[in-house]
């Protein structure tokens, strides 16, 4: 009986550890999606990479367009930290 309960607990821990990266990505997508405007949301929806890589690409694009200390890039910096 104890062996069966212990096996079940170990299986739950392993499944939780396997599901953690997917849950983190889903949470990142939700948080980042909320901070984007309509045009960026469309681009985000079509993005094939991770949410953090999309945010890094948007931040890099903004820095190239406006400079590293521009206030327009503040949303991308805050969301990525």
C-alpha atoms as a PDB file:
ATOM      1  CA  UNK A   1       0.000   0.000   0.000  1.00  0.00           C
ATOM      2  CA  UNK A   2       2.774   2.424   0.931  1.00  0.00           C
ATOM      3  CA  UNK A   3       4.638   1.507  -2.242  1.00  0.00           C
ATOM      4  CA  UNK A   4       1.577   2.338  -4.355  1.00  0.00           C
ATOM      5  CA  UNK A   5       1.058   5.727  -2.657  1.00  0.00           C
ATOM      6  CA  UNK A   6       4.749   6.573  -2.955  1.00  0.00           C
ATOM      7  CA  UNK A   7       4.704   5.609  -6.633  1.00  0.00           C
ATOM      8  CA  UNK A   8       1.690   7.854  -7.192  1.00  0.00           C
ATOM      9  CA  UNK A   9       3.379  10.775  -5.460  1.00  0.00           C
ATOM     10  CA  UNK A  10       6.532  10.299  -7.519  1.00  0.00           C
ATOM     11  CA  UNK A  11       4.480  10.141 -10.725  1.00  0.00           C
ATOM     12  CA  UNK A  12       2.690  13.387  -9.828  1.00  0.00           C
ATOM     13  CA  UNK A  13       6.006  15.111  -9.103  1.00  0.00           C
ATOM     14  CA  UNK A  14       7.474  13.950 -12.418  1.00  0.00           C
ATOM     15  CA  UNK A  15       4.380  15.058 -14.358  1.00  0.00           C
ATOM     16  CA  UNK A  16       4.463  18.420 -12.591  1.00  0.00           C
ATOM     17  CA  UNK A  17       8.124  18.892 -13.467  1.00  0.00           C
ATOM     18  CA  UNK A  18       7.397  18.059 -17.106  1.00  0.00           C
ATOM     19  CA  UNK A  19       4.418  20.439 -17.253  1.00  0.00           C
ATOM     20  CA  UNK A  20       6.212  23.382 -15.622  1.00  0.00           C
ATOM     21  CA  UNK A  21       7.896  24.759 -18.803  1.00  0.00           C
ATOM     22  CA  UNK A  22       4.581  24.662 -20.674  1.00  0.00           C
ATOM     23  CA  UNK A  23       2.798  26.443 -17.846  1.00  0.00           C
ATOM     24  CA  UNK A  24       5.538  29.087 -17.680  1.00  0.00           C
ATOM     25  CA  UNK A  25       5.297  29.720 -21.431  1.00  0.00           C
ATOM     26  CA  UNK A  26       1.509  30.008 -21.236  1.00  0.00           C
ATOM     27  CA  UNK A  27       1.800  32.506 -18.386  1.00  0.00           C
ATOM     28  CA  UNK A  28       4.474  34.529 -20.242  1.00  0.00           C
ATOM     29  CA  UNK A  29       2.273  34.627 -23.349  1.00  0.00           C
ATOM     30  CA  UNK A  30      -0.678  35.900 -21.328  1.00  0.00           C
ATOM     31  CA  UNK A  31       1.321  38.627 -19.546  1.00  0.00           C
ATOM     32  CA  UNK A  32       3.051  39.807 -22.709  1.00  0.00           C
ATOM     33  CA  UNK A  33      -0.143  39.695 -24.785  1.00  0.00           C
ATOM     34  CA  UNK A  34      -1.926  41.968 -22.283  1.00  0.00           C
ATOM     35  CA  UNK A  35       0.770  44.646 -22.637  1.00  0.00           C
ATOM     36  CA  UNK A  36       0.776  44.790 -26.441  1.00  0.00           C
ATOM     37  CA  UNK A  37      -1.263  47.079 -28.645  1.00  0.00           C
ATOM     38  CA  UNK A  38      -3.545  45.701 -31.369  1.00  0.00           C
ATOM     39  CA  UNK A  39      -0.967  45.707 -34.171  1.00  0.00           C
ATOM     40  CA  UNK A  40       1.658  43.985 -32.019  1.00  0.00           C
ATOM     41  CA  UNK A  41      -0.923  41.418 -30.841  1.00  0.00           C
ATOM     42  CA  UNK A  42      -1.478  40.345 -34.445  1.00  0.00           C
ATOM     43  CA  UNK A  43       2.266  39.917 -34.938  1.00  0.00           C
ATOM     44  CA  UNK A  44       2.497  38.057 -31.626  1.00  0.00           C
ATOM     45  CA  UNK A  45      -0.292  35.704 -32.665  1.00  0.00           C
ATOM     46  CA  UNK A  46       1.636  34.826 -35.830  1.00  0.00           C
ATOM     47  CA  UNK A  47       4.968  34.427 -33.984  1.00  0.00           C
ATOM     48  CA  UNK A  48       6.280  30.839 -33.980  1.00  0.00           C
ATOM     49  CA  UNK A  49       8.880  31.246 -31.256  1.00  0.00           C
ATOM     50  CA  UNK A  50       8.591  31.705 -27.531  1.00  0.00           C
ATOM     51  CA  UNK A  51       6.943  34.703 -25.904  1.00  0.00           C
ATOM     52  CA  UNK A  52      10.232  35.933 -24.481  1.00  0.00           C
ATOM     53  CA  UNK A  53      11.949  35.747 -27.864  1.00  0.00           C
ATOM     54  CA  UNK A  54       9.129  37.815 -29.389  1.00  0.00           C
ATOM     55  CA  UNK A  55       9.552  40.420 -26.681  1.00  0.00           C
ATOM     56  CA  UNK A  56      13.320  40.487 -27.234  1.00  0.00           C
ATOM     57  CA  UNK A  57      12.788  40.987 -30.974  1.00  0.00           C
ATOM     58  CA  UNK A  58      10.321  43.808 -30.329  1.00  0.00           C
ATOM     59  CA  UNK A  59      12.724  45.441 -27.860  1.00  0.00           C
ATOM     60  CA  UNK A  60      15.606  45.180 -30.345  1.00  0.00           C
ATOM     61  CA  UNK A  61      13.467  46.700 -33.092  1.00  0.00           C
ATOM     62  CA  UNK A  62      12.428  49.545 -30.810  1.00  0.00           C
ATOM     63  CA  UNK A  63      16.008  50.234 -29.701  1.00  0.00           C
ATOM     64  CA  UNK A  64      17.138  50.375 -33.328  1.00  0.00           C
ATOM     65  CA  UNK A  65      14.356  52.795 -34.213  1.00  0.00           C
ATOM     66  CA  UNK A  66      14.406  55.090 -31.167  1.00  0.00           C
ATOM     67  CA  UNK A  67      17.678  54.510 -29.322  1.00  0.00           C
ATOM     68  CA  UNK A  68      18.540  52.530 -26.190  1.00  0.00           C
ATOM     69  CA  UNK A  69      17.084  54.957 -23.624  1.00  0.00           C
ATOM     70  CA  UNK A  70      13.844  55.838 -25.432  1.00  0.00           C
ATOM     71  CA  UNK A  71      10.660  55.914 -23.392  1.00  0.00           C
ATOM     72  CA  UNK A  72       8.820  54.177 -26.253  1.00  0.00           C
ATOM     73  CA  UNK A  73      10.786  51.016 -25.465  1.00  0.00           C
ATOM     74  CA  UNK A  74       9.878  51.038 -21.767  1.00  0.00           C
ATOM     75  CA  UNK A  75       7.038  48.514 -22.155  1.00  0.00           C
ATOM     76  CA  UNK A  76       9.352  45.977 -23.731  1.00  0.00           C
ATOM     77  CA  UNK A  77      11.976  46.391 -21.010  1.00  0.00           C
ATOM     78  CA  UNK A  78       9.541  46.145 -18.105  1.00  0.00           C
ATOM     79  CA  UNK A  79       7.714  43.129 -19.505  1.00  0.00           C
ATOM     80  CA  UNK A  80      10.913  41.191 -20.123  1.00  0.00           C
ATOM     81  CA  UNK A  81      12.278  41.591 -16.584  1.00  0.00           C
END
